[in-house]
Amino acid sequence: PQNIYILNGTIYDEKQNLISGAVVKISEIDPVKKTSRFFGYT
């Protein structure tokens, strides 16, 4: 595959505390077909 991307970041709460164990879900949205495909969690 030619379009492999790495996504990363840090999750904070509203008080700017780091959130350990937060679940990040990613989905792919197709605007033409108006569909959503689940990719996974981290």
PDB file of all heavy atoms in Angstrom:
ATOM      1  N   PRO A   1       0.820  -1.214   0.000  1.00  0.00           N
ATOM      2  CA  PRO A   1       0.000   0.000   0.000  1.00  0.00           C
ATOM      3  C   PRO A   1       0.854   1.265   0.000  1.00  0.00           C
ATOM      4  O   PRO A   1       1.885   1.332   0.653  1.00  0.00           O
ATOM      5  CB  PRO A   1      -0.797  -0.112   1.299  1.00  0.00           C
ATOM      6  CG  PRO A   1      -0.756  -1.562   1.657  1.00  0.00           C
ATOM      7  CD  PRO A   1       0.528  -2.087   1.109  1.00  0.00           C
ATOM      8  N   GLN A   2       0.400   2.268  -0.723  1.00  0.00           N
ATOM      9  CA  GLN A   2       1.158   3.504  -0.857  1.00  0.00           C
ATOM     10  C   GLN A   2       0.757   4.575   0.157  1.00  0.00           C
ATOM     11  O   GLN A   2       1.500   5.508   0.381  1.00  0.00           O
ATOM     12  CB  GLN A   2       0.962   4.069  -2.265  1.00  0.00           C
ATOM     13  CG  GLN A   2       1.459   3.150  -3.346  1.00  0.00           C
ATOM     14  CD  GLN A   2       2.960   2.933  -3.259  1.00  0.00           C
ATOM     15  OE1 GLN A   2       3.723   3.858  -3.097  1.00  0.00           O
ATOM     16  NE2 GLN A   2       3.388   1.689  -3.341  1.00  0.00           N
ATOM     17  N   ASN A   3      -0.410   4.468   0.741  1.00  0.00           N
ATOM     18  CA  ASN A   3      -0.940   5.529   1.587  1.00  0.00           C
ATOM     19  C   ASN A   3      -1.044   5.103   3.046  1.00  0.00           C
ATOM     20  O   ASN A   3      -2.093   5.215   3.664  1.00  0.00           O
ATOM     21  CB  ASN A   3      -2.312   5.971   1.081  1.00  0.00           C
ATOM     22  CG  ASN A   3      -2.237   6.541  -0.310  1.00  0.00           C
ATOM     23  OD1 ASN A   3      -1.290   7.228  -0.655  1.00  0.00           O
ATOM     24  ND2 ASN A   3      -3.226   6.254  -1.126  1.00  0.00           N
ATOM     25  N   ILE A   4       0.041   4.627   3.615  1.00  0.00           N
ATOM     26  CA  ILE A   4       0.048   4.237   5.021  1.00  0.00           C
ATOM     27  C   ILE A   4       0.412   5.456   5.856  1.00  0.00           C
ATOM     28  O   ILE A   4       1.429   6.107   5.610  1.00  0.00           O
ATOM     29  CB  ILE A   4       1.048   3.093   5.283  1.00  0.00           C
ATOM     30  CG1 ILE A   4       0.682   1.864   4.471  1.00  0.00           C
ATOM     31  CG2 ILE A   4       1.120   2.765   6.767  1.00  0.00           C
ATOM     32  CD1 ILE A   4      -0.653   1.243   4.823  1.00  0.00           C
ATOM     33  N   TYR A   5      -0.439   5.745   6.824  1.00  0.00           N
ATOM     34  CA  TYR A   5      -0.225   6.893   7.698  1.00  0.00           C
ATOM     35  C   TYR A   5      -0.177   6.445   9.147  1.00  0.00           C
ATOM     36  O   TYR A   5      -0.862   5.497   9.538  1.00  0.00           O
ATOM     37  CB  TYR A   5      -1.349   7.923   7.537  1.00  0.00           C
ATOM     38  CG  TYR A   5      -1.343   8.571   6.182  1.00  0.00           C
ATOM     39  CD1 TYR A   5      -2.104   8.047   5.140  1.00  0.00           C
ATOM     40  CD2 TYR A   5      -0.574   9.695   5.946  1.00  0.00           C
ATOM     41  CE1 TYR A   5      -2.087   8.635   3.888  1.00  0.00           C
ATOM     42  CE2 TYR A   5      -0.545  10.294   4.702  1.00  0.00           C
ATOM     43  CZ  TYR A   5      -1.313   9.753   3.667  1.00  0.00           C
ATOM     44  OH  TYR A   5      -1.279  10.341   2.437  1.00  0.00           O
ATOM     45  N   ILE A   6       0.599   7.146   9.928  1.00  0.00           N
ATOM     46  CA  ILE A   6       0.665   6.938  11.367  1.00  0.00           C
ATOM     47  C   ILE A   6      -0.072   8.103  12.021  1.00  0.00           C
ATOM     48  O   ILE A   6       0.245   9.268  11.762  1.00  0.00           O
ATOM     49  CB  ILE A   6       2.120   6.906  11.882  1.00  0.00           C
ATOM     50  CG1 ILE A   6       2.930   5.825  11.175  1.00  0.00           C
ATOM     51  CG2 ILE A   6       2.157   6.751  13.395  1.00  0.00           C
ATOM     52  CD1 ILE A   6       2.510   4.430  11.471  1.00  0.00           C
ATOM     53  N   LEU A   7      -1.057   7.782  12.833  1.00  0.00           N
ATOM     54  CA  LEU A   7      -1.777   8.798  13.597  1.00  0.00           C
ATOM     55  C   LEU A   7      -1.379   8.645  15.051  1.00  0.00           C
ATOM     56  O   LEU A   7      -1.368   7.526  15.581  1.00  0.00           O
ATOM     57  CB  LEU A   7      -3.283   8.609  13.467  1.00  0.00           C
ATOM     58  CG  LEU A   7      -3.865   8.668  12.069  1.00  0.00           C
ATOM     59  CD1 LEU A   7      -5.352   8.355  12.108  1.00  0.00           C
ATOM     60  CD2 LEU A   7      -3.635  10.039  11.471  1.00  0.00           C
ATOM     61  N   ASN A   8      -1.071   9.745  15.699  1.00  0.00           N
ATOM     62  CA  ASN A   8      -0.745   9.681  17.115  1.00  0.00           C
ATOM     63  C   ASN A   8      -1.151  10.972  17.789  1.00  0.00           C
ATOM     64  O   ASN A   8      -1.372  11.984  17.140  1.00  0.00           O
ATOM     65  CB  ASN A   8       0.741   9.384  17.328  1.00  0.00           C
ATOM     66  CG  ASN A   8       1.640  10.444  16.750  1.00  0.00           C
ATOM     67  OD1 ASN A   8       1.490  11.617  17.046  1.00  0.00           O
ATOM     68  ND2 ASN A   8       2.579  10.050  15.912  1.00  0.00           N
ATOM     69  N   GLY A   9      -1.272  10.897  19.095  1.00  0.00           N
ATOM     70  CA  GLY A   9      -1.646  12.083  19.845  1.00  0.00           C
ATOM     71  C   GLY A   9      -1.704  11.766  21.322  1.00  0.00           C
ATOM     72  O   GLY A   9      -1.429  10.640  21.753  1.00  0.00           O
ATOM     73  N   THR A  10      -2.081  12.757  22.080  1.00  0.00           N
ATOM     74  CA  THR A  10      -2.213  12.627  23.518  1.00  0.00           C
ATOM     75  C   THR A  10      -3.598  13.123  23.916  1.00  0.00           C
ATOM     76  O   THR A  10      -4.046  14.162  23.433  1.00  0.00           O
ATOM     77  CB  THR A  10      -1.128  13.457  24.228  1.00  0.00           C
ATOM     78  OG1 THR A  10       0.152  13.034  23.738  1.00  0.00           O
ATOM     79  CG2 THR A  10      -1.165  13.248  25.729  1.00  0.00           C
ATOM     80  N   ILE A  11      -4.255  12.370  24.788  1.00  0.00           N
ATOM     81  CA  ILE A  11      -5.611  12.695  25.218  1.00  0.00           C
ATOM     82  C   ILE A  11      -5.563  13.300  26.622  1.00  0.00           C
ATOM     83  O   ILE A  11      -4.949  12.743  27.530  1.00  0.00           O
ATOM     84  CB  ILE A  11      -6.516  11.439  25.223  1.00  0.00           C
ATOM     85  CG1 ILE A  11      -6.488  10.744  23.853  1.00  0.00           C
ATOM     86  CG2 ILE A  11      -7.936  11.798  25.649  1.00  0.00           C
ATOM     87  CD1 ILE A  11      -7.013  11.556  22.712  1.00  0.00           C
ATOM     88  N   TYR A  12      -6.236  14.443  26.761  1.00  0.00           N
ATOM     89  CA  TYR A  12      -6.344  15.153  28.033  1.00  0.00           C
ATOM     90  C   TYR A  12      -7.820  15.320  28.389  1.00  0.00           C
ATOM     91  O   TYR A  12      -8.672  15.375  27.503  1.00  0.00           O
ATOM     92  CB  TYR A  12      -5.750  16.550  27.918  1.00  0.00           C
ATOM     93  CG  TYR A  12      -4.284  16.599  27.612  1.00  0.00           C
ATOM     94  CD1 TYR A  12      -3.825  16.585  26.301  1.00  0.00           C
ATOM     95  CD2 TYR A  12      -3.346  16.673  28.632  1.00  0.00           C
ATOM     96  CE1 TYR A  12      -2.468  16.642  26.009  1.00  0.00           C
ATOM     97  CE2 TYR A  12      -1.986  16.732  28.358  1.00  0.00           C
ATOM     98  CZ  TYR A  12      -1.559  16.722  27.045  1.00  0.00           C
ATOM     99  OH  TYR A  12      -0.218  16.766  26.761  1.00  0.00           O
ATOM    100  N   ASP A  13      -8.114  15.473  29.685  1.00  0.00           N
ATOM    101  CA  ASP A  13      -9.473  15.813  30.086  1.00  0.00           C
ATOM    102  C   ASP A  13      -9.639  17.330  30.100  1.00  0.00           C
ATOM    103  O   ASP A  13      -8.717  18.076  29.733  1.00  0.00           O
ATOM    104  CB  ASP A  13      -9.842  15.168  31.429  1.00  0.00           C
ATOM    105  CG  ASP A  13      -9.066  15.719  32.611  1.00  0.00           C
ATOM    106  OD1 ASP A  13      -8.376  16.749  32.484  1.00  0.00           O
ATOM    107  OD2 ASP A  13      -9.144  15.103  33.690  1.00  0.00           O
ATOM    108  N   GLU A  14     -10.806  17.794  30.508  1.00  0.00           N
ATOM    109  CA  GLU A  14     -11.089  19.234  30.489  1.00  0.00           C
ATOM    110  C   GLU A  14     -10.209  20.033  31.451  1.00  0.00           C
ATOM    111  O   GLU A  14     -10.083  21.246  31.333  1.00  0.00           O
ATOM    112  CB  GLU A  14     -12.579  19.492  30.795  1.00  0.00           C
ATOM    113  CG  GLU A  14     -13.024  19.048  32.168  1.00  0.00           C
ATOM    114  CD  GLU A  14     -13.335  17.575  32.293  1.00  0.00           C
ATOM    115  OE1 GLU A  14     -13.375  16.850  31.286  1.00  0.00           O
ATOM    116  OE2 GLU A  14     -13.535  17.128  33.430  1.00  0.00           O
ATOM    117  N   LYS A  15      -9.570  19.360  32.413  1.00  0.00           N
ATOM    118  CA  LYS A  15      -8.656  20.034  33.352  1.00  0.00           C
ATOM    119  C   LYS A  15      -7.196  19.884  32.929  1.00  0.00           C
ATOM    120  O   LYS A  15      -6.292  20.148  33.697  1.00  0.00           O
ATOM    121  CB  LYS A  15      -8.862  19.482  34.755  1.00  0.00           C
ATOM    122  CG  LYS A  15     -10.232  19.774  35.314  1.00  0.00           C
ATOM    123  CD  LYS A  15     -10.406  19.178  36.687  1.00  0.00           C
ATOM    124  CE  LYS A  15     -11.812  19.430  37.166  1.00  0.00           C
ATOM    125  NZ  LYS A  15     -12.063  18.765  38.444  1.00  0.00           N
ATOM    126  N   GLN A  16      -6.976  19.394  31.717  1.00  0.00           N
ATOM    127  CA  GLN A  16      -5.643  19.187  31.142  1.00  0.00           C
ATOM    128  C   GLN A  16      -4.846  18.073  31.827  1.00  0.00           C
ATOM    129  O   GLN A  16      -3.612  18.070  31.775  1.00  0.00           O
ATOM    130  CB  GLN A  16      -4.840  20.496  31.126  1.00  0.00           C
ATOM    131  CG  GLN A  16      -5.470  21.581  30.257  1.00  0.00           C
ATOM    132  CD  GLN A  16      -5.672  21.140  28.820  1.00  0.00           C
ATOM    133  OE1 GLN A  16      -4.746  20.700  28.165  1.00  0.00           O
ATOM    134  NE2 GLN A  16      -6.895  21.236  28.324  1.00  0.00           N
ATOM    135  N   ASN A  17      -5.557  17.117  32.454  1.00  0.00           N
ATOM    136  CA  ASN A  17      -4.914  15.921  32.999  1.00  0.00           C
ATOM    137  C   ASN A  17      -4.817  14.872  31.904  1.00  0.00           C
ATOM    138  O   ASN A  17      -5.745  14.708  31.101  1.00  0.00           O
ATOM    139  CB  ASN A  17      -5.735  15.351  34.170  1.00  0.00           C
ATOM    140  CG  ASN A  17      -5.826  16.316  35.329  1.00  0.00           C
ATOM    141  OD1 ASN A  17      -4.828  16.877  35.746  1.00  0.00           O
ATOM    142  ND2 ASN A  17      -7.030  16.521  35.828  1.00  0.00           N
ATOM    143  N   LEU A  18      -3.713  14.151  31.857  1.00  0.00           N
ATOM    144  CA  LEU A  18      -3.556  13.052  30.894  1.00  0.00           C
ATOM    145  C   LEU A  18      -4.564  11.959  31.199  1.00  0.00           C
ATOM    146  O   LEU A  18      -4.844  11.673  32.365  1.00  0.00           O
ATOM    147  CB  LEU A  18      -2.138  12.490  30.979  1.00  0.00           C
ATOM    148  CG  LEU A  18      -1.030  13.458  30.594  1.00  0.00           C
ATOM    149  CD1 LEU A  18       0.315  12.878  30.979  1.00  0.00           C
ATOM    150  CD2 LEU A  18      -1.077  13.774  29.118  1.00  0.00           C
ATOM    151  N   ILE A  19      -5.101  11.334  30.152  1.00  0.00           N
ATOM    152  CA  ILE A  19      -6.086  10.264  30.324  1.00  0.00           C
ATOM    153  C   ILE A  19      -5.459   8.929  29.940  1.00  0.00           C
ATOM    154  O   ILE A  19      -5.247   8.648  28.762  1.00  0.00           O
ATOM    155  CB  ILE A  19      -7.333  10.497  29.449  1.00  0.00           C
ATOM    156  CG1 ILE A  19      -7.942  11.854  29.715  1.00  0.00           C
ATOM    157  CG2 ILE A  19      -8.331   9.387  29.653  1.00  0.00           C
ATOM    158  CD1 ILE A  19      -8.810  11.935  30.914  1.00  0.00           C
ATOM    159  N   SER A  20      -5.166   8.126  30.915  1.00  0.00           N
ATOM    160  CA  SER A  20      -4.646   6.780  30.692  1.00  0.00           C
ATOM    161  C   SER A  20      -5.820   5.832  30.470  1.00  0.00           C
ATOM    162  O   SER A  20      -6.807   5.886  31.198  1.00  0.00           O
ATOM    163  CB  SER A  20      -3.852   6.331  31.926  1.00  0.00           C
ATOM    164  OG  SER A  20      -3.465   4.992  31.804  1.00  0.00           O
ATOM    165  N   GLY A  21      -5.731   4.991  29.448  1.00  0.00           N
ATOM    166  CA  GLY A  21      -6.780   4.002  29.183  1.00  0.00           C
ATOM    167  C   GLY A  21      -7.956   4.516  28.383  1.00  0.00           C
ATOM    168  O   GLY A  21      -8.946   3.805  28.230  1.00  0.00           O
ATOM    169  N   ALA A  22      -7.883   5.733  27.844  1.00  0.00           N
ATOM    170  CA  ALA A  22      -8.948   6.232  26.974  1.00  0.00           C
ATOM    171  C   ALA A  22      -8.978   5.382  25.700  1.00  0.00           C
ATOM    172  O   ALA A  22      -7.950   4.910  25.226  1.00  0.00           O
ATOM    173  CB  ALA A  22      -8.723   7.698  26.626  1.00  0.00           C
ATOM    174  N   VAL A  23     -10.157   5.195  25.159  1.00  0.00           N
ATOM    175  CA  VAL A  23     -10.326   4.389  23.951  1.00  0.00           C
ATOM    176  C   VAL A  23     -10.462   5.327  22.751  1.00  0.00           C
ATOM    177  O   VAL A  23     -11.267   6.265  22.774  1.00  0.00           O
ATOM    178  CB  VAL A  23     -11.568   3.483  24.079  1.00  0.00           C
ATOM    179  CG1 VAL A  23     -11.792   2.690  22.803  1.00  0.00           C
ATOM    180  CG2 VAL A  23     -11.428   2.556  25.281  1.00  0.00           C
ATOM    181  N   VAL A  24      -9.661   5.087  21.724  1.00  0.00           N
ATOM    182  CA  VAL A  24      -9.706   5.880  20.500  1.00  0.00           C
ATOM    183  C   VAL A  24     -10.196   4.965  19.377  1.00  0.00           C
ATOM    184  O   VAL A  24      -9.590   3.943  19.094  1.00  0.00           O
ATOM    185  CB  VAL A  24      -8.303   6.445  20.151  1.00  0.00           C
ATOM    186  CG1 VAL A  24      -8.363   7.275  18.880  1.00  0.00           C
ATOM    187  CG2 VAL A  24      -7.738   7.251  21.312  1.00  0.00           C
ATOM    188  N   LYS A  25     -11.320   5.339  18.786  1.00  0.00           N
ATOM    189  CA  LYS A  25     -11.928   4.558  17.699  1.00  0.00           C
ATOM    190  C   LYS A  25     -11.716   5.317  16.398  1.00  0.00           C
ATOM    191  O   LYS A  25     -11.874   6.535  16.347  1.00  0.00           O
ATOM    192  CB  LYS A  25     -13.427   4.396  17.962  1.00  0.00           C
ATOM    193  CG  LYS A  25     -14.186   3.741  16.838  1.00  0.00           C
ATOM    194  CD  LYS A  25     -15.679   3.767  17.116  1.00  0.00           C
ATOM    195  CE  LYS A  25     -16.460   3.308  15.914  1.00  0.00           C
ATOM    196  NZ  LYS A  25     -17.903   3.483  16.113  1.00  0.00           N
ATOM    197  N   ILE A  26     -11.369   4.606  15.331  1.00  0.00           N
ATOM    198  CA  ILE A  26     -11.230   5.249  14.021  1.00  0.00           C
ATOM    199  C   ILE A  26     -12.175   4.589  13.024  1.00  0.00           C
ATOM    200  O   ILE A  26     -12.332   3.368  13.003  1.00  0.00           O
ATOM    201  CB  ILE A  26      -9.774   5.225  13.501  1.00  0.00           C
ATOM    202  CG1 ILE A  26      -9.672   6.029  12.213  1.00  0.00           C
ATOM    203  CG2 ILE A  26      -9.268   3.828  13.330  1.00  0.00           C
ATOM    204  CD1 ILE A  26      -8.299   6.470  11.853  1.00  0.00           C
ATOM    205  N   SER A  27     -12.801   5.452  12.216  1.00  0.00           N
ATOM    206  CA  SER A  27     -13.719   5.007  11.171  1.00  0.00           C
ATOM    207  C   SER A  27     -13.377   5.714   9.873  1.00  0.00           C
ATOM    208  O   SER A  27     -12.878   6.841   9.872  1.00  0.00           O
ATOM    209  CB  SER A  27     -15.162   5.340  11.544  1.00  0.00           C
ATOM    210  OG  SER A  27     -15.525   4.718  12.744  1.00  0.00           O
ATOM    211  N   GLU A  28     -13.658   5.043   8.763  1.00  0.00           N
ATOM    212  CA  GLU A  28     -13.483   5.623   7.433  1.00  0.00           C
ATOM    213  C   GLU A  28     -14.856   6.021   6.915  1.00  0.00           C
ATOM    214  O   GLU A  28     -15.788   5.213   6.934  1.00  0.00           O
ATOM    215  CB  GLU A  28     -12.853   4.595   6.506  1.00  0.00           C
ATOM    216  CG  GLU A  28     -12.680   5.085   5.084  1.00  0.00           C
ATOM    217  CD  GLU A  28     -12.130   3.994   4.188  1.00  0.00           C
ATOM    218  OE1 GLU A  28     -12.935   3.143   3.740  1.00  0.00           O
ATOM    219  OE2 GLU A  28     -10.912   3.973   3.962  1.00  0.00           O
ATOM    220  N   ILE A  29     -14.987   7.258   6.449  1.00  0.00           N
ATOM    221  CA  ILE A  29     -16.250   7.774   5.934  1.00  0.00           C
ATOM    222  C   ILE A  29     -16.133   7.925   4.426  1.00  0.00           C
ATOM    223  O   ILE A  29     -15.202   8.561   3.927  1.00  0.00           O
ATOM    224  CB  ILE A  29     -16.582   9.157   6.551  1.00  0.00           C
ATOM    225  CG1 ILE A  29     -16.431   9.141   8.071  1.00  0.00           C
ATOM    226  CG2 ILE A  29     -17.950   9.634   6.096  1.00  0.00           C
ATOM    227  CD1 ILE A  29     -17.331   8.226   8.806  1.00  0.00           C
ATOM    228  N   ASP A  30     -17.089   7.330   3.700  1.00  0.00           N
ATOM    229  CA  ASP A  30     -17.148   7.484   2.242  1.00  0.00           C
ATOM    230  C   ASP A  30     -18.247   8.499   1.936  1.00  0.00           C
ATOM    231  O   ASP A  30     -19.440   8.188   2.075  1.00  0.00           O
ATOM    232  CB  ASP A  30     -17.462   6.145   1.579  1.00  0.00           C
ATOM    233  CG  ASP A  30     -17.408   6.212   0.061  1.00  0.00           C
ATOM    234  OD1 ASP A  30     -17.811   7.258  -0.506  1.00  0.00           O
ATOM    235  OD2 ASP A  30     -16.977   5.227  -0.553  1.00  0.00           O
ATOM    236  N   PRO A  31     -17.882   9.732   1.546  1.00  0.00           N
ATOM    237  CA  PRO A  31     -18.898  10.762   1.333  1.00  0.00           C
ATOM    238  C   PRO A  31     -19.785  10.516   0.106  1.00  0.00           C
ATOM    239  O   PRO A  31     -20.906  11.017   0.062  1.00  0.00           O
ATOM    240  CB  PRO A  31     -18.078  12.043   1.171  1.00  0.00           C
ATOM    241  CG  PRO A  31     -16.736  11.584   0.707  1.00  0.00           C
ATOM    242  CD  PRO A  31     -16.529  10.228   1.313  1.00  0.00           C
ATOM    243  N   VAL A  32     -19.307   9.757  -0.849  1.00  0.00           N
ATOM    244  CA  VAL A  32     -20.109   9.479  -2.047  1.00  0.00           C
ATOM    245  C   VAL A  32     -21.174   8.431  -1.738  1.00  0.00           C
ATOM    246  O   VAL A  32     -22.358   8.614  -2.012  1.00  0.00           O
ATOM    247  CB  VAL A  32     -19.202   9.022  -3.215  1.00  0.00           C
ATOM    248  CG1 VAL A  32     -20.036   8.597  -4.408  1.00  0.00           C
ATOM    249  CG2 VAL A  32     -18.229  10.135  -3.592  1.00  0.00           C
ATOM    250  N   LYS A  33     -20.754   7.324  -1.133  1.00  0.00           N
ATOM    251  CA  LYS A  33     -21.694   6.250  -0.791  1.00  0.00           C
ATOM    252  C   LYS A  33     -22.446   6.522   0.504  1.00  0.00           C
ATOM    253  O   LYS A  33     -23.388   5.815   0.835  1.00  0.00           O
ATOM    254  CB  LYS A  33     -20.939   4.929  -0.652  1.00  0.00           C
ATOM    255  CG  LYS A  33     -20.319   4.452  -1.936  1.00  0.00           C
ATOM    256  CD  LYS A  33     -19.575   3.157  -1.717  1.00  0.00           C
ATOM    257  CE  LYS A  33     -18.897   2.675  -2.971  1.00  0.00           C
ATOM    258  NZ  LYS A  33     -18.112   1.447  -2.729  1.00  0.00           N
ATOM    259  N   LYS A  34     -21.993   7.548   1.256  1.00  0.00           N
ATOM    260  CA  LYS A  34     -22.590   7.896   2.552  1.00  0.00           C
ATOM    261  C   LYS A  34     -22.571   6.712   3.505  1.00  0.00           C
ATOM    262  O   LYS A  34     -23.569   6.381   4.149  1.00  0.00           O
ATOM    263  CB  LYS A  34     -23.991   8.453   2.383  1.00  0.00           C
ATOM    264  CG  LYS A  34     -24.018   9.715   1.550  1.00  0.00           C
ATOM    265  CD  LYS A  34     -25.389  10.307   1.478  1.00  0.00           C
ATOM    266  CE  LYS A  34     -25.525  11.407   0.576  1.00  0.00           C
ATOM    267  NZ  LYS A  34     -25.134  12.510   0.302  1.00  0.00           N
ATOM    268  N   THR A  35     -21.391   6.072   3.578  1.00  0.00           N
ATOM    269  CA  THR A  35     -21.203   4.934   4.458  1.00  0.00           C
ATOM    270  C   THR A  35     -20.029   5.180   5.402  1.00  0.00           C
ATOM    271  O   THR A  35     -19.172   6.026   5.142  1.00  0.00           O
ATOM    272  CB  THR A  35     -20.935   3.643   3.666  1.00  0.00           C
ATOM    273  OG1 THR A  35     -19.759   3.836   2.866  1.00  0.00           O
ATOM    274  CG2 THR A  35     -22.099   3.270   2.774  1.00  0.00           C
ATOM    275  N   SER A  36     -20.036   4.433   6.473  1.00  0.00           N
ATOM    276  CA  SER A  36     -18.956   4.499   7.450  1.00  0.00           C
ATOM    277  C   SER A  36     -18.455   3.081   7.673  1.00  0.00           C
ATOM    278  O   SER A  36     -19.245   2.148   7.801  1.00  0.00           O
ATOM    279  CB  SER A  36     -19.492   5.087   8.756  1.00  0.00           C
ATOM    280  OG  SER A  36     -18.496   5.061   9.742  1.00  0.00           O
ATOM    281  N   ARG A  37     -17.126   2.936   7.712  1.00  0.00           N
ATOM    282  CA  ARG A  37     -16.524   1.619   7.930  1.00  0.00           C
ATOM    283  C   ARG A  37     -15.617   1.699   9.152  1.00  0.00           C
ATOM    284  O   ARG A  37     -14.718   2.538   9.237  1.00  0.00           O
ATOM    285  CB  ARG A  37     -15.716   1.196   6.709  1.00  0.00           C
ATOM    286  CG  ARG A  37     -15.073  -0.175   6.857  1.00  0.00           C
ATOM    287  CD  ARG A  37     -14.470  -0.655   5.549  1.00  0.00           C
ATOM    288  NE  ARG A  37     -13.313   0.112   5.154  1.00  0.00           N
ATOM    289  CZ  ARG A  37     -12.060  -0.350   5.142  1.00  0.00           C
ATOM    290  NH1 ARG A  37     -11.809  -1.594   5.508  1.00  0.00           N
ATOM    291  NH2 ARG A  37     -11.074   0.410   4.749  1.00  0.00           N
ATOM    292  N   PHE A  38     -15.874   0.821  10.109  1.00  0.00           N
ATOM    293  CA  PHE A  38     -15.073   0.742  11.322  1.00  0.00           C
ATOM    294  C   PHE A  38     -13.675   0.233  10.984  1.00  0.00           C
ATOM    295  O   PHE A  38     -13.523  -0.751  10.277  1.00  0.00           O
ATOM    296  CB  PHE A  38     -15.755  -0.197  12.315  1.00  0.00           C
ATOM    297  CG  PHE A  38     -14.925  -0.553  13.504  1.00  0.00           C
ATOM    298  CD1 PHE A  38     -14.655   0.382  14.475  1.00  0.00           C
ATOM    299  CD2 PHE A  38     -14.409  -1.828  13.637  1.00  0.00           C
ATOM    300  CE1 PHE A  38     -13.887   0.053  15.581  1.00  0.00           C
ATOM    301  CE2 PHE A  38     -13.644  -2.170  14.730  1.00  0.00           C
ATOM    302  CZ  PHE A  38     -13.380  -1.226  15.703  1.00  0.00           C
ATOM    303  N   PHE A  39     -12.643   0.932  11.473  1.00  0.00           N
ATOM    304  CA  PHE A  39     -11.255   0.507  11.258  1.00  0.00           C
ATOM    305  C   PHE A  39     -10.683  -0.210  12.464  1.00  0.00           C
ATOM    306  O   PHE A  39      -9.977  -1.182  12.327  1.00  0.00           O
ATOM    307  CB  PHE A  39     -10.383   1.729  10.952  1.00  0.00           C
ATOM    308  CG  PHE A  39     -10.027   1.897   9.511  1.00  0.00           C
ATOM    309  CD1 PHE A  39     -10.829   1.430   8.503  1.00  0.00           C
ATOM    310  CD2 PHE A  39      -8.875   2.540   9.163  1.00  0.00           C
ATOM    311  CE1 PHE A  39     -10.505   1.599   7.178  1.00  0.00           C
ATOM    312  CE2 PHE A  39      -8.526   2.719   7.838  1.00  0.00           C
ATOM    313  CZ  PHE A  39      -9.344   2.246   6.848  1.00  0.00           C
ATOM    314  N   GLY A  40     -10.930   0.313  13.643  1.00  0.00           N
ATOM    315  CA  GLY A  40     -10.383  -0.327  14.826  1.00  0.00           C
ATOM    316  C   GLY A  40     -10.298   0.606  16.009  1.00  0.00           C
ATOM    317  O   GLY A  40     -10.718   1.755  15.950  1.00  0.00           O
ATOM    318  N   TYR A  41      -9.749   0.071  17.090  1.00  0.00           N
ATOM    319  CA  TYR A  41      -9.569   0.804  18.331  1.00  0.00           C
ATOM    320  C   TYR A  41      -8.107   0.782  18.733  1.00  0.00           C
ATOM    321  O   TYR A  41      -7.368  -0.128  18.380  1.00  0.00           O
ATOM    322  CB  TYR A  41     -10.335   0.147  19.480  1.00  0.00           C
ATOM    323  CG  TYR A  41     -11.818   0.192  19.396  1.00  0.00           C
ATOM    324  CD1 TYR A  41     -12.548  -0.928  19.027  1.00  0.00           C
ATOM    325  CD2 TYR A  41     -12.506   1.354  19.719  1.00  0.00           C
ATOM    326  CE1 TYR A  41     -13.922  -0.902  18.980  1.00  0.00           C
ATOM    327  CE2 TYR A  41     -13.886   1.391  19.672  1.00  0.00           C
ATOM    328  CZ  TYR A  41     -14.592   0.261  19.307  1.00  0.00           C
ATOM    329  OH  TYR A  41     -15.953   0.298  19.256  1.00  0.00           O
ATOM    330  N   THR A  42      -7.733   1.758  19.528  1.00  0.00           N
ATOM    331  CA  THR A  42      -6.481   1.727  20.257  1.00  0.00           C
ATOM    332  C   THR A  42      -6.771   2.332  21.622  1.00  0.00           C
ATOM    333  O   THR A  42      -7.801   2.971  21.819  1.00  0.00           O
ATOM    334  CB  THR A  42      -5.345   2.472  19.524  1.00  0.00           C
ATOM    335  OG1 THR A  42      -4.115   2.221  20.186  1.00  0.00           O
ATOM    336  CG2 THR A  42      -5.590   3.952  19.436  1.00  0.00           C
TER     337      THR A  42
END
